[in-house]
Amino acid sequence: MPLTPFEKGKLKIAAHLREELELAGIDFESIRCKSGGTQTHRDTARVIITVNGNSMHLDLKAHEVEECESLVFGETWRKIAGLIERLK
């Protein structure tokens, strides 16, 4: 069964975030990207980063995630950059 654009986007965003954290020299324990469940709506992806035992998250709408199926760009890229700035 092939991955949906939403699932591919979540994977691409997590990989992009990992690269950006490494470039910024930020040591992190984990990166998670989940959707659905009790904490998020099924049309929202929550990206959770744990640094020094503290977690921060960023919520992205389904269309933002699906747009990143091949490349992270635009507003999603800016949101991730803002999250990284808060971690510094």
PDB file of N, CA and C in Angstrom:
ATOM      1  N   MET A   1       0.844  -1.168   0.000  1.00  0.00           N
ATOM      2  CA  MET A   1       0.000   0.000   0.000  1.00  0.00           C
ATOM      3  C   MET A   1       0.898   1.243   0.000  1.00  0.00           C
ATOM      4  N   PRO A   2       0.767   2.117  -0.985  1.00  0.00           N
ATOM      5  CA  PRO A   2       1.619   3.304  -1.080  1.00  0.00           C
ATOM      6  C   PRO A   2       1.256   4.344  -0.015  1.00  0.00           C
ATOM      7  N   LEU A   3       2.236   5.163   0.333  1.00  0.00           N
ATOM      8  CA  LEU A   3       2.015   6.236   1.296  1.00  0.00           C
ATOM      9  C   LEU A   3       1.198   7.351   0.655  1.00  0.00           C
ATOM     10  N   THR A   4       0.378   7.999   1.452  1.00  0.00           N
ATOM     11  CA  THR A   4      -0.402   9.140   0.969  1.00  0.00           C
ATOM     12  C   THR A   4       0.504  10.376   0.940  1.00  0.00           C
ATOM     13  N   PRO A   5       0.107  11.429   0.226  1.00  0.00           N
ATOM     14  CA  PRO A   5       0.884  12.667   0.245  1.00  0.00           C
ATOM     15  C   PRO A   5       1.066  13.215   1.670  1.00  0.00           C
ATOM     16  N   PHE A   6       0.058  13.041   2.523  1.00  0.00           N
ATOM     17  CA  PHE A   6       0.150  13.493   3.911  1.00  0.00           C
ATOM     18  C   PHE A   6       1.237  12.717   4.658  1.00  0.00           C
ATOM     19  N   GLU A   7       1.267  11.408   4.499  1.00  0.00           N
ATOM     20  CA  GLU A   7       2.283  10.581   5.163  1.00  0.00           C
ATOM     21  C   GLU A   7       3.685  10.891   4.630  1.00  0.00           C
ATOM     22  N   LYS A   8       3.796  11.062   3.310  1.00  0.00           N
ATOM     23  CA  LYS A   8       5.096  11.421   2.721  1.00  0.00           C
ATOM     24  C   LYS A   8       5.550  12.787   3.214  1.00  0.00           C
ATOM     25  N   GLY A   9       4.617  13.727   3.326  1.00  0.00           N
ATOM     26  CA  GLY A   9       4.942  15.059   3.815  1.00  0.00           C
ATOM     27  C   GLY A   9       5.449  15.029   5.247  1.00  0.00           C
ATOM     28  N   LYS A  10       4.817  14.219   6.092  1.00  0.00           N
ATOM     29  CA  LYS A  10       5.278  14.099   7.478  1.00  0.00           C
ATOM     30  C   LYS A  10       6.711  13.580   7.528  1.00  0.00           C
ATOM     31  N   LEU A  11       7.019  12.600   6.715  1.00  0.00           N
ATOM     32  CA  LEU A  11       8.385  12.054   6.676  1.00  0.00           C
ATOM     33  C   LEU A  11       9.382  13.094   6.169  1.00  0.00           C
ATOM     34  N   LYS A  12       9.006  13.821   5.137  1.00  0.00           N
ATOM     35  CA  LYS A  12       9.889  14.834   4.560  1.00  0.00           C
ATOM     36  C   LYS A  12      10.138  15.964   5.564  1.00  0.00           C
ATOM     37  N   ILE A  13       9.096  16.379   6.276  1.00  0.00           N
ATOM     38  CA  ILE A  13       9.236  17.436   7.275  1.00  0.00           C
ATOM     39  C   ILE A  13      10.164  16.987   8.407  1.00  0.00           C
ATOM     40  N   ALA A  14      10.000  15.769   8.887  1.00  0.00           N
ATOM     41  CA  ALA A  14      10.860  15.258   9.963  1.00  0.00           C
ATOM     42  C   ALA A  14      12.321  15.202   9.504  1.00  0.00           C
ATOM     43  N   ALA A  15      12.554  14.759   8.279  1.00  0.00           N
ATOM     44  CA  ALA A  15      13.924  14.697   7.749  1.00  0.00           C
ATOM     45  C   ALA A  15      14.508  16.103   7.595  1.00  0.00           C
ATOM     46  N   HIS A  16      13.714  17.035   7.107  1.00  0.00           N
ATOM     47  CA  HIS A  16      14.163  18.416   6.937  1.00  0.00           C
ATOM     48  C   HIS A  16      14.506  19.023   8.300  1.00  0.00           C
ATOM     49  N   LEU A  17      13.661  18.785   9.274  1.00  0.00           N
ATOM     50  CA  LEU A  17      13.894  19.315  10.607  1.00  0.00           C
ATOM     51  C   LEU A  17      15.181  18.758  11.208  1.00  0.00           C
ATOM     52  N   ARG A  18      15.415  17.490  10.999  1.00  0.00           N
ATOM     53  CA  ARG A  18      16.653  16.871  11.492  1.00  0.00           C
ATOM     54  C   ARG A  18      17.876  17.558  10.873  1.00  0.00           C
ATOM     55  N   GLU A  19      17.847  17.768   9.566  1.00  0.00           N
ATOM     56  CA  GLU A  19      18.956  18.437   8.883  1.00  0.00           C
ATOM     57  C   GLU A  19      19.176  19.844   9.429  1.00  0.00           C
ATOM     58  N   GLU A  20      18.093  20.596   9.609  1.00  0.00           N
ATOM     59  CA  GLU A  20      18.205  21.975  10.086  1.00  0.00           C
ATOM     60  C   GLU A  20      18.723  22.032  11.519  1.00  0.00           C
ATOM     61  N   LEU A  21      18.285  21.109  12.367  1.00  0.00           N
ATOM     62  CA  LEU A  21      18.781  21.059  13.742  1.00  0.00           C
ATOM     63  C   LEU A  21      20.279  20.749  13.760  1.00  0.00           C
ATOM     64  N   GLU A  22      20.702  19.807  12.921  1.00  0.00           N
ATOM     65  CA  GLU A  22      22.120  19.463  12.851  1.00  0.00           C
ATOM     66  C   GLU A  22      22.944  20.643  12.338  1.00  0.00           C
ATOM     67  N   LEU A  23      22.441  21.343  11.326  1.00  0.00           N
ATOM     68  CA  LEU A  23      23.140  22.529  10.803  1.00  0.00           C
ATOM     69  C   LEU A  23      23.256  23.627  11.856  1.00  0.00           C
ATOM     70  N   ALA A  24      22.234  23.757  12.702  1.00  0.00           N
ATOM     71  CA  ALA A  24      22.236  24.769  13.751  1.00  0.00           C
ATOM     72  C   ALA A  24      23.061  24.340  14.961  1.00  0.00           C
ATOM     73  N   GLY A  25      23.525  23.093  14.958  1.00  0.00           N
ATOM     74  CA  GLY A  25      24.321  22.594  16.078  1.00  0.00           C
ATOM     75  C   GLY A  25      23.500  22.313  17.320  1.00  0.00           C
ATOM     76  N   ILE A  26      22.224  22.016  17.146  1.00  0.00           N
ATOM     77  CA  ILE A  26      21.336  21.732  18.275  1.00  0.00           C
ATOM     78  C   ILE A  26      21.238  20.223  18.463  1.00  0.00           C
ATOM     79  N   ASP A  27      21.665  19.747  19.628  1.00  0.00           N
ATOM     80  CA  ASP A  27      21.548  18.327  19.942  1.00  0.00           C
ATOM     81  C   ASP A  27      20.111  18.050  20.366  1.00  0.00           C
ATOM     82  N   PHE A  28      19.521  17.036  19.790  1.00  0.00           N
ATOM     83  CA  PHE A  28      18.136  16.709  20.104  1.00  0.00           C
ATOM     84  C   PHE A  28      18.029  15.228  20.439  1.00  0.00           C
ATOM     85  N   GLU A  29      17.040  14.908  21.256  1.00  0.00           N
ATOM     86  CA  GLU A  29      16.808  13.517  21.617  1.00  0.00           C
ATOM     87  C   GLU A  29      15.846  12.825  20.658  1.00  0.00           C
ATOM     88  N   SER A  30      14.824  13.562  20.226  1.00  0.00           N
ATOM     89  CA  SER A  30      13.862  12.929  19.326  1.00  0.00           C
ATOM     90  C   SER A  30      13.120  13.964  18.494  1.00  0.00           C
ATOM     91  N   ILE A  31      12.624  13.468  17.367  1.00  0.00           N
ATOM     92  CA  ILE A  31      11.729  14.216  16.492  1.00  0.00           C
ATOM     93  C   ILE A  31      10.571  13.280  16.202  1.00  0.00           C
ATOM     94  N   ARG A  32       9.363  13.727  16.465  1.00  0.00           N
ATOM     95  CA  ARG A  32       8.185  12.925  16.158  1.00  0.00           C
ATOM     96  C   ARG A  32       7.206  13.767  15.357  1.00  0.00           C
ATOM     97  N   CYS A  33       6.518  13.131  14.473  1.00  0.00           N
ATOM     98  CA  CYS A  33       5.498  13.809  13.678  1.00  0.00           C
ATOM     99  C   CYS A  33       4.271  12.911  13.697  1.00  0.00           C
ATOM    100  N   LYS A  34       3.240  13.338  14.413  1.00  0.00           N
ATOM    101  CA  LYS A  34       2.067  12.482  14.547  1.00  0.00           C
ATOM    102  C   LYS A  34       0.801  13.254  14.222  1.00  0.00           C
ATOM    103  N   SER A  35      -0.250  12.515  13.965  1.00  0.00           N
ATOM    104  CA  SER A  35      -1.542  13.131  13.661  1.00  0.00           C
ATOM    105  C   SER A  35      -2.654  12.239  14.190  1.00  0.00           C
ATOM    106  N   GLY A  36      -3.811  12.855  14.394  1.00  0.00           N
ATOM    107  CA  GLY A  36      -4.938  12.115  14.939  1.00  0.00           C
ATOM    108  C   GLY A  36      -4.769  11.891  16.428  1.00  0.00           C
ATOM    109  N   GLY A  37      -5.588  11.066  16.987  1.00  0.00           N
ATOM    110  CA  GLY A  37      -5.509  10.783  18.414  1.00  0.00           C
ATOM    111  C   GLY A  37      -6.242  11.831  19.227  1.00  0.00           C
ATOM    112  N   THR A  38      -5.957  11.852  20.522  1.00  0.00           N
ATOM    113  CA  THR A  38      -6.676  12.756  21.416  1.00  0.00           C
ATOM    114  C   THR A  38      -6.105  14.167  21.447  1.00  0.00           C
ATOM    115  N   GLN A  39      -4.845  14.344  21.051  1.00  0.00           N
ATOM    116  CA  GLN A  39      -4.224  15.660  21.159  1.00  0.00           C
ATOM    117  C   GLN A  39      -4.284  16.482  19.881  1.00  0.00           C
ATOM    118  N   THR A  40      -4.462  15.848  18.750  1.00  0.00           N
ATOM    119  CA  THR A  40      -4.505  16.594  17.490  1.00  0.00           C
ATOM    120  C   THR A  40      -5.668  16.119  16.634  1.00  0.00           C
ATOM    121  N   HIS A  41      -6.157  17.016  15.830  1.00  0.00           N
ATOM    122  CA  HIS A  41      -7.196  16.682  14.866  1.00  0.00           C
ATOM    123  C   HIS A  41      -6.581  15.813  13.772  1.00  0.00           C
ATOM    124  N   ARG A  42      -7.351  15.001  13.137  1.00  0.00           N
ATOM    125  CA  ARG A  42      -6.805  14.098  12.119  1.00  0.00           C
ATOM    126  C   ARG A  42      -6.256  14.839  10.908  1.00  0.00           C
ATOM    127  N   ASP A  43      -6.662  16.095  10.718  1.00  0.00           N
ATOM    128  CA  ASP A  43      -6.150  16.899   9.605  1.00  0.00           C
ATOM    129  C   ASP A  43      -5.001  17.812  10.030  1.00  0.00           C
ATOM    130  N   THR A  44      -4.389  17.491  11.148  1.00  0.00           N
ATOM    131  CA  THR A  44      -3.271  18.275  11.674  1.00  0.00           C
ATOM    132  C   THR A  44      -2.117  17.337  11.977  1.00  0.00           C
ATOM    133  N   ALA A  45      -0.928  17.781  11.656  1.00  0.00           N
ATOM    134  CA  ALA A  45       0.271  17.028  12.034  1.00  0.00           C
ATOM    135  C   ALA A  45       0.980  17.828  13.118  1.00  0.00           C
ATOM    136  N   ARG A  46       1.304  17.174  14.200  1.00  0.00           N
ATOM    137  CA  ARG A  46       2.052  17.816  15.283  1.00  0.00           C
ATOM    138  C   ARG A  46       3.484  17.310  15.222  1.00  0.00           C
ATOM    139  N   VAL A  47       4.413  18.243  15.018  1.00  0.00           N
ATOM    140  CA  VAL A  47       5.830  17.939  14.993  1.00  0.00           C
ATOM    141  C   VAL A  47       6.357  18.244  16.393  1.00  0.00           C
ATOM    142  N   ILE A  48       6.925  17.220  17.047  1.00  0.00           N
ATOM    143  CA  ILE A  48       7.395  17.353  18.423  1.00  0.00           C
ATOM    144  C   ILE A  48       8.897  17.111  18.450  1.00  0.00           C
ATOM    145  N   ILE A  49       9.618  18.055  19.043  1.00  0.00           N
ATOM    146  CA  ILE A  49      11.074  17.956  19.152  1.00  0.00           C
ATOM    147  C   ILE A  49      11.421  17.958  20.626  1.00  0.00           C
ATOM    148  N   THR A  50      12.295  17.047  21.019  1.00  0.00           N
ATOM    149  CA  THR A  50      12.759  17.009  22.401  1.00  0.00           C
ATOM    150  C   THR A  50      14.233  17.374  22.436  1.00  0.00           C
ATOM    151  N   VAL A  51      14.543  18.431  23.186  1.00  0.00           N
ATOM    152  CA  VAL A  51      15.905  18.933  23.343  1.00  0.00           C
ATOM    153  C   VAL A  51      16.147  19.104  24.841  1.00  0.00           C
ATOM    154  N   ASN A  52      17.211  18.495  25.330  1.00  0.00           N
ATOM    155  CA  ASN A  52      17.557  18.580  26.759  1.00  0.00           C
ATOM    156  C   ASN A  52      16.381  18.199  27.664  1.00  0.00           C
ATOM    157  N   GLY A  53      15.627  17.190  27.272  1.00  0.00           N
ATOM    158  CA  GLY A  53      14.514  16.710  28.079  1.00  0.00           C
ATOM    159  C   GLY A  53      13.250  17.541  27.980  1.00  0.00           C
ATOM    160  N   ASN A  54      13.286  18.642  27.244  1.00  0.00           N
ATOM    161  CA  ASN A  54      12.123  19.508  27.079  1.00  0.00           C
ATOM    162  C   ASN A  54      11.554  19.352  25.679  1.00  0.00           C
ATOM    163  N   SER A  55      10.235  19.244  25.596  1.00  0.00           N
ATOM    164  CA  SER A  55       9.579  19.089  24.299  1.00  0.00           C
ATOM    165  C   SER A  55       8.922  20.387  23.866  1.00  0.00           C
ATOM    166  N   MET A  56       9.020  20.658  22.570  1.00  0.00           N
ATOM    167  CA  MET A  56       8.318  21.772  21.933  1.00  0.00           C
ATOM    168  C   MET A  56       7.595  21.194  20.725  1.00  0.00           C
ATOM    169  N   HIS A  57       6.497  21.824  20.347  1.00  0.00           N
ATOM    170  CA  HIS A  57       5.788  21.301  19.185  1.00  0.00           C
ATOM    171  C   HIS A  57       5.341  22.418  18.257  1.00  0.00           C
ATOM    172  N   LEU A  58       5.044  21.987  17.052  1.00  0.00           N
ATOM    173  CA  LEU A  58       4.551  22.853  15.992  1.00  0.00           C
ATOM    174  C   LEU A  58       3.423  22.101  15.311  1.00  0.00           C
ATOM    175  N   ASP A  59       2.255  22.724  15.203  1.00  0.00           N
ATOM    176  CA  ASP A  59       1.128  22.109  14.514  1.00  0.00           C
ATOM    177  C   ASP A  59       1.049  22.628  13.087  1.00  0.00           C
ATOM    178  N   LEU A  60       0.889  21.707  12.153  1.00  0.00           N
ATOM    179  CA  LEU A  60       0.774  22.044  10.737  1.00  0.00           C
ATOM    180  C   LEU A  60      -0.532  21.491  10.196  1.00  0.00           C
ATOM    181  N   LYS A  61      -1.181  22.251   9.353  1.00  0.00           N
ATOM    182  CA  LYS A  61      -2.437  21.810   8.722  1.00  0.00           C
ATOM    183  C   LYS A  61      -2.136  20.794   7.628  1.00  0.00           C
ATOM    184  N   ALA A  62      -3.128  19.980   7.299  1.00  0.00           N
ATOM    185  CA  ALA A  62      -2.951  18.907   6.316  1.00  0.00           C
ATOM    186  C   ALA A  62      -2.416  19.432   4.991  1.00  0.00           C
ATOM    187  N   HIS A  63      -2.949  20.551   4.494  1.00  0.00           N
ATOM    188  CA  HIS A  63      -2.479  21.059   3.196  1.00  0.00           C
ATOM    189  C   HIS A  63      -1.022  21.488   3.264  1.00  0.00           C
ATOM    190  N   GLU A  64      -0.570  21.996   4.421  1.00  0.00           N
ATOM    191  CA  GLU A  64       0.839  22.376   4.567  1.00  0.00           C
ATOM    192  C   GLU A  64       1.738  21.143   4.512  1.00  0.00           C
ATOM    193  N   VAL A  65       1.285  20.077   5.130  1.00  0.00           N
ATOM    194  CA  VAL A  65       2.059  18.832   5.149  1.00  0.00           C
ATOM    195  C   VAL A  65       2.099  18.215   3.753  1.00  0.00           C
ATOM    196  N   GLU A  66       0.953  18.150   3.094  1.00  0.00           N
ATOM    197  CA  GLU A  66       0.873  17.540   1.763  1.00  0.00           C
ATOM    198  C   GLU A  66       1.715  18.307   0.740  1.00  0.00           C
ATOM    199  N   GLU A  67       1.818  19.634   0.888  1.00  0.00           N
ATOM    200  CA  GLU A  67       2.641  20.429  -0.030  1.00  0.00           C
ATOM    201  C   GLU A  67       4.114  20.062   0.077  1.00  0.00           C
ATOM    202  N   CYS A  68       4.502  19.478   1.202  1.00  0.00           N
ATOM    203  CA  CYS A  68       5.909  19.134   1.453  1.00  0.00           C
ATOM    204  C   CYS A  68       6.221  17.687   1.094  1.00  0.00           C
ATOM    205  N   GLU A  69       5.371  17.077   0.304  1.00  0.00           N
ATOM    206  CA  GLU A  69       5.573  15.681  -0.097  1.00  0.00           C
ATOM    207  C   GLU A  69       6.949  15.468  -0.733  1.00  0.00           C
ATOM    208  N   SER A  70       7.413  16.444  -1.515  1.00  0.00           N
ATOM    209  CA  SER A  70       8.707  16.319  -2.189  1.00  0.00           C
ATOM    210  C   SER A  70       9.766  17.264  -1.645  1.00  0.00           C
ATOM    211  N   LEU A  71       9.333  18.441  -1.173  1.00  0.00           N
ATOM    212  CA  LEU A  71      10.281  19.474  -0.751  1.00  0.00           C
ATOM    213  C   LEU A  71       9.611  20.356   0.297  1.00  0.00           C
ATOM    214  N   VAL A  72      10.335  20.668   1.378  1.00  0.00           N
ATOM    215  CA  VAL A  72       9.812  21.567   2.401  1.00  0.00           C
ATOM    216  C   VAL A  72      10.107  23.000   1.944  1.00  0.00           C
ATOM    217  N   PHE A  73       9.066  23.826   1.812  1.00  0.00           N
ATOM    218  CA  PHE A  73       9.233  25.185   1.299  1.00  0.00           C
ATOM    219  C   PHE A  73       8.131  26.086   1.836  1.00  0.00           C
ATOM    220  N   GLY A  74       8.212  27.345   1.495  1.00  0.00           N
ATOM    221  CA  GLY A  74       7.155  28.305   1.786  1.00  0.00           C
ATOM    222  C   GLY A  74       6.897  28.510   3.268  1.00  0.00           C
ATOM    223  N   GLU A  75       5.633  28.660   3.606  1.00  0.00           N
ATOM    224  CA  GLU A  75       5.232  28.951   4.974  1.00  0.00           C
ATOM    225  C   GLU A  75       5.643  27.835   5.942  1.00  0.00           C
ATOM    226  N   THR A  76       5.584  26.598   5.509  1.00  0.00           N
ATOM    227  CA  THR A  76       5.997  25.484   6.376  1.00  0.00           C
ATOM    228  C   THR A  76       7.482  25.606   6.706  1.00  0.00           C
ATOM    229  N   TRP A  77       8.299  25.942   5.722  1.00  0.00           N
ATOM    230  CA  TRP A  77       9.724  26.132   5.952  1.00  0.00           C
ATOM    231  C   TRP A  77       9.953  27.252   6.967  1.00  0.00           C
ATOM    232  N   ARG A  78       9.202  28.358   6.832  1.00  0.00           N
ATOM    233  CA  ARG A  78       9.342  29.487   7.759  1.00  0.00           C
ATOM    234  C   ARG A  78       8.916  29.110   9.175  1.00  0.00           C
ATOM    235  N   LYS A  79       7.866  28.322   9.303  1.00  0.00           N
ATOM    236  CA  LYS A  79       7.420  27.875  10.626  1.00  0.00           C
ATOM    237  C   LYS A  79       8.484  27.004  11.293  1.00  0.00           C
ATOM    238  N   ILE A  80       9.097  26.132  10.531  1.00  0.00           N
ATOM    239  CA  ILE A  80      10.160  25.279  11.067  1.00  0.00           C
ATOM    240  C   ILE A  80      11.365  26.126  11.467  1.00  0.00           C
ATOM    241  N   ALA A  81      11.716  27.107  10.646  1.00  0.00           N
ATOM    242  CA  ALA A  81      12.828  27.999  10.974  1.00  0.00           C
ATOM    243  C   ALA A  81      12.543  28.758  12.271  1.00  0.00           C
ATOM    244  N   GLY A  82      11.310  29.183  12.472  1.00  0.00           N
ATOM    245  CA  GLY A  82      10.922  29.869  13.696  1.00  0.00           C
ATOM    246  C   GLY A  82      11.027  28.966  14.916  1.00  0.00           C
ATOM    247  N   LEU A  83      10.635  27.716  14.751  1.00  0.00           N
ATOM    248  CA  LEU A  83      10.746  26.743  15.839  1.00  0.00           C
ATOM    249  C   LEU A  83      12.210  26.535  16.223  1.00  0.00           C
ATOM    250  N   ILE A  84      13.066  26.431  15.244  1.00  0.00           N
ATOM    251  CA  ILE A  84      14.497  26.241  15.510  1.00  0.00           C
ATOM    252  C   ILE A  84      15.072  27.464  16.216  1.00  0.00           C
ATOM    253  N   GLU A  85      14.646  28.651  15.824  1.00  0.00           N
ATOM    254  CA  GLU A  85      15.117  29.867  16.494  1.00  0.00           C
ATOM    255  C   GLU A  85      14.723  29.859  17.977  1.00  0.00           C
ATOM    256  N   ARG A  86      13.537  29.371  18.293  1.00  0.00           N
ATOM    257  CA  ARG A  86      13.100  29.304  19.698  1.00  0.00           C
ATOM    258  C   ARG A  86      13.932  28.302  20.485  1.00  0.00           C
ATOM    259  N   LEU A  87      14.494  27.321  19.794  1.00  0.00           N
ATOM    260  CA  LEU A  87      15.312  26.297  20.481  1.00  0.00           C
ATOM    261  C   LEU A  87      16.718  26.774  20.773  1.00  0.00           C
ATOM    262  N   LYS A  88      17.186  27.769  20.066  1.00  0.00           N
ATOM    263  CA  LYS A  88      18.582  28.246  20.239  1.00  0.00           C
ATOM    264  C   LYS A  88      18.774  28.939  21.572  1.00  0.00           C
TER     265      LYS A  88
END
